[in-house]
């Protein structure tokens, strides 16, 4: 967060809605009414994260496996 001069909470609070509004304004995400984040294609969101240098990853953990 040093790169942006922000505390982590400010970043986490502001980043997600700004990206969502960008994708909606550009017509990448479309729809009407109340929609949950899970109803949209995540790939454009992740592409914005890549573009802006924000690390993201997924980890698959099978039920019962410990994660350290």
N, C-alpha and C. Protein backbone atom coordinates (compact mmCIF):
# COMPACT_ATOMS: atom_id res chain seq x y z
N UNK A 1 0.80 -1.18 0.00
CA UNK A 1 0.00 0.00 0.00
C UNK A 1 0.85 1.26 0.00
N UNK A 2 2.13 1.11 0.31
CA UNK A 2 3.03 2.25 0.32
C UNK A 2 3.06 2.93 -1.05
N UNK A 3 2.99 2.12 -2.10
CA UNK A 3 3.03 2.64 -3.46
C UNK A 3 1.94 3.68 -3.71
N UNK A 4 0.78 3.48 -3.08
CA UNK A 4 -0.36 4.36 -3.29
C UNK A 4 -0.56 5.36 -2.15
N UNK A 5 0.25 5.23 -1.08
CA UNK A 5 0.12 6.13 0.05
C UNK A 5 -1.16 5.89 0.84
N UNK A 6 -1.63 4.65 0.87
CA UNK A 6 -2.89 4.33 1.54
C UNK A 6 -2.68 3.27 2.61
N UNK A 7 -3.55 3.31 3.60
CA UNK A 7 -3.62 2.22 4.57
C UNK A 7 -4.36 1.06 3.90
N UNK A 8 -4.10 -0.19 4.31
CA UNK A 8 -4.78 -1.33 3.70
C UNK A 8 -6.30 -1.25 3.73
N UNK A 9 -6.87 -0.75 4.81
CA UNK A 9 -8.33 -0.67 4.89
C UNK A 9 -8.88 0.29 3.84
N UNK A 10 -8.21 1.41 3.64
CA UNK A 10 -8.66 2.37 2.62
C UNK A 10 -8.59 1.74 1.24
N UNK A 11 -7.52 1.01 1.00
CA UNK A 11 -7.37 0.35 -0.30
C UNK A 11 -8.46 -0.69 -0.51
N UNK A 12 -8.67 -1.55 0.48
CA UNK A 12 -9.66 -2.62 0.36
C UNK A 12 -11.07 -2.05 0.22
N UNK A 13 -11.34 -0.96 0.90
CA UNK A 13 -12.67 -0.35 0.84
C UNK A 13 -12.91 0.34 -0.49
N UNK A 14 -11.91 1.00 -1.02
CA UNK A 14 -12.08 1.79 -2.22
C UNK A 14 -11.86 1.06 -3.53
N UNK A 15 -10.94 0.12 -3.55
CA UNK A 15 -10.55 -0.51 -4.81
C UNK A 15 -11.69 -1.27 -5.47
N UNK A 16 -12.36 -2.12 -4.71
CA UNK A 16 -13.40 -2.98 -5.30
C UNK A 16 -14.54 -2.20 -5.95
N UNK A 17 -15.14 -1.20 -5.29
CA UNK A 17 -16.21 -0.48 -5.96
C UNK A 17 -15.73 0.34 -7.16
N UNK A 18 -14.50 0.84 -7.10
CA UNK A 18 -13.98 1.61 -8.24
C UNK A 18 -13.82 0.71 -9.46
N UNK A 19 -13.28 -0.48 -9.27
CA UNK A 19 -13.13 -1.43 -10.37
C UNK A 19 -14.50 -1.83 -10.91
N UNK A 20 -15.44 -2.11 -10.00
CA UNK A 20 -16.79 -2.50 -10.44
C UNK A 20 -17.42 -1.38 -11.27
N UNK A 21 -17.30 -0.15 -10.80
CA UNK A 21 -17.89 0.97 -11.56
C UNK A 21 -17.22 1.15 -12.92
N UNK A 22 -15.92 0.93 -12.96
CA UNK A 22 -15.20 1.02 -14.24
C UNK A 22 -15.74 -0.03 -15.22
N UNK A 23 -15.89 -1.26 -14.75
CA UNK A 23 -16.37 -2.33 -15.62
C UNK A 23 -17.83 -2.11 -16.04
N UNK A 24 -18.64 -1.58 -15.15
CA UNK A 24 -20.03 -1.26 -15.50
C UNK A 24 -20.09 -0.11 -16.50
N UNK A 25 -19.31 0.94 -16.27
CA UNK A 25 -19.32 2.11 -17.16
C UNK A 25 -18.84 1.76 -18.56
N UNK A 26 -17.89 0.84 -18.65
CA UNK A 26 -17.38 0.44 -19.96
C UNK A 26 -18.26 -0.60 -20.64
N UNK A 27 -19.30 -1.07 -19.95
CA UNK A 27 -20.20 -2.07 -20.52
C UNK A 27 -19.64 -3.48 -20.49
N UNK A 28 -18.51 -3.68 -19.79
CA UNK A 28 -17.93 -5.02 -19.68
C UNK A 28 -18.85 -5.89 -18.82
N UNK A 29 -19.31 -5.32 -17.72
CA UNK A 29 -20.31 -5.97 -16.88
C UNK A 29 -21.65 -5.30 -17.17
N UNK A 30 -22.69 -6.10 -17.37
CA UNK A 30 -24.01 -5.56 -17.68
C UNK A 30 -25.06 -6.26 -16.86
N UNK A 31 -26.19 -5.61 -16.72
CA UNK A 31 -27.32 -6.19 -16.02
C UNK A 31 -28.14 -5.11 -15.37
N UNK A 32 -29.28 -5.48 -14.90
CA UNK A 32 -30.14 -4.51 -14.22
C UNK A 32 -30.61 -5.13 -12.92
N UNK A 33 -31.04 -4.26 -12.03
CA UNK A 33 -31.50 -4.73 -10.74
C UNK A 33 -30.34 -4.98 -9.80
N UNK A 34 -30.64 -5.61 -8.70
CA UNK A 34 -29.63 -5.92 -7.69
C UNK A 34 -28.95 -7.22 -8.06
N UNK A 35 -27.63 -7.18 -8.19
CA UNK A 35 -26.86 -8.37 -8.56
C UNK A 35 -25.71 -8.52 -7.58
N UNK A 36 -25.40 -9.75 -7.29
CA UNK A 36 -24.26 -10.00 -6.41
C UNK A 36 -22.98 -10.02 -7.23
N UNK A 37 -21.86 -9.82 -6.57
CA UNK A 37 -20.57 -9.83 -7.26
C UNK A 37 -20.34 -11.16 -7.96
N UNK A 38 -20.83 -12.24 -7.38
CA UNK A 38 -20.61 -13.57 -7.94
C UNK A 38 -21.36 -13.78 -9.26
N UNK A 39 -22.30 -12.91 -9.58
CA UNK A 39 -23.07 -13.09 -10.82
C UNK A 39 -22.34 -12.53 -12.04
N UNK A 40 -21.23 -11.84 -11.81
CA UNK A 40 -20.45 -11.28 -12.91
C UNK A 40 -19.24 -12.15 -13.23
N UNK A 41 -18.81 -12.09 -14.48
CA UNK A 41 -17.60 -12.80 -14.91
C UNK A 41 -16.39 -12.21 -14.19
N UNK A 42 -15.61 -13.02 -13.47
CA UNK A 42 -14.48 -12.47 -12.71
C UNK A 42 -13.27 -12.11 -13.58
N UNK A 43 -13.18 -12.65 -14.78
CA UNK A 43 -11.97 -12.43 -15.59
C UNK A 43 -11.69 -10.95 -15.88
N UNK A 44 -12.69 -10.14 -16.24
CA UNK A 44 -12.37 -8.72 -16.46
C UNK A 44 -11.88 -8.02 -15.18
N UNK A 45 -12.44 -8.41 -14.04
CA UNK A 45 -11.99 -7.84 -12.77
C UNK A 45 -10.53 -8.21 -12.50
N UNK A 46 -10.20 -9.47 -12.71
CA UNK A 46 -8.82 -9.91 -12.49
C UNK A 46 -7.87 -9.25 -13.48
N UNK A 47 -8.35 -8.99 -14.70
CA UNK A 47 -7.52 -8.30 -15.68
C UNK A 47 -7.19 -6.87 -15.22
N UNK A 48 -8.15 -6.20 -14.60
CA UNK A 48 -7.88 -4.86 -14.07
C UNK A 48 -6.85 -4.95 -12.94
N UNK A 49 -6.98 -5.97 -12.10
CA UNK A 49 -5.99 -6.15 -11.04
C UNK A 49 -4.60 -6.35 -11.62
N UNK A 50 -4.50 -7.18 -12.67
CA UNK A 50 -3.21 -7.37 -13.35
C UNK A 50 -2.69 -6.05 -13.90
N UNK A 51 -3.56 -5.33 -14.58
CA UNK A 51 -3.18 -4.05 -15.19
C UNK A 51 -2.63 -3.08 -14.14
N UNK A 52 -3.24 -3.09 -12.96
CA UNK A 52 -2.85 -2.14 -11.92
C UNK A 52 -1.79 -2.70 -10.97
N UNK A 53 -1.25 -3.88 -11.29
CA UNK A 53 -0.16 -4.45 -10.51
C UNK A 53 -0.58 -4.99 -9.15
N UNK A 54 -1.82 -5.45 -9.03
CA UNK A 54 -2.32 -6.00 -7.78
C UNK A 54 -2.22 -7.52 -7.85
N UNK A 55 -1.44 -8.10 -6.94
CA UNK A 55 -1.26 -9.55 -6.93
C UNK A 55 -2.55 -10.23 -6.52
N UNK A 56 -2.87 -11.31 -7.21
CA UNK A 56 -4.01 -12.14 -6.82
C UNK A 56 -3.68 -13.59 -7.18
N UNK A 57 -4.25 -14.49 -6.45
CA UNK A 57 -4.02 -15.91 -6.69
C UNK A 57 -5.15 -16.73 -6.08
N UNK A 58 -5.27 -17.95 -6.52
CA UNK A 58 -6.21 -18.88 -5.91
C UNK A 58 -5.45 -20.11 -5.45
N UNK A 59 -5.97 -20.73 -4.44
CA UNK A 59 -5.39 -21.95 -3.92
C UNK A 59 -6.52 -22.95 -3.71
N UNK A 60 -6.40 -24.12 -4.29
CA UNK A 60 -7.40 -25.15 -4.09
C UNK A 60 -7.00 -25.99 -2.89
N UNK A 61 -7.91 -26.14 -1.94
CA UNK A 61 -7.66 -26.93 -0.75
C UNK A 61 -8.77 -27.97 -0.64
N UNK A 62 -8.39 -29.23 -0.62
CA UNK A 62 -9.37 -30.30 -0.50
C UNK A 62 -9.93 -30.33 0.91
N UNK A 63 -11.18 -30.74 1.07
CA UNK A 63 -11.75 -30.85 2.42
C UNK A 63 -10.87 -31.71 3.32
N UNK A 64 -10.63 -31.24 4.52
CA UNK A 64 -9.84 -31.96 5.47
C UNK A 64 -8.36 -31.70 5.42
N UNK A 65 -7.89 -30.99 4.40
CA UNK A 65 -6.46 -30.67 4.30
C UNK A 65 -6.16 -29.44 5.15
N UNK A 66 -5.01 -29.46 5.77
CA UNK A 66 -4.56 -28.30 6.54
C UNK A 66 -3.87 -27.33 5.59
N UNK A 67 -3.99 -26.07 5.86
CA UNK A 67 -3.34 -25.04 5.07
C UNK A 67 -2.42 -24.27 5.98
N UNK A 68 -1.17 -24.21 5.61
CA UNK A 68 -0.21 -23.47 6.45
C UNK A 68 0.45 -22.37 5.67
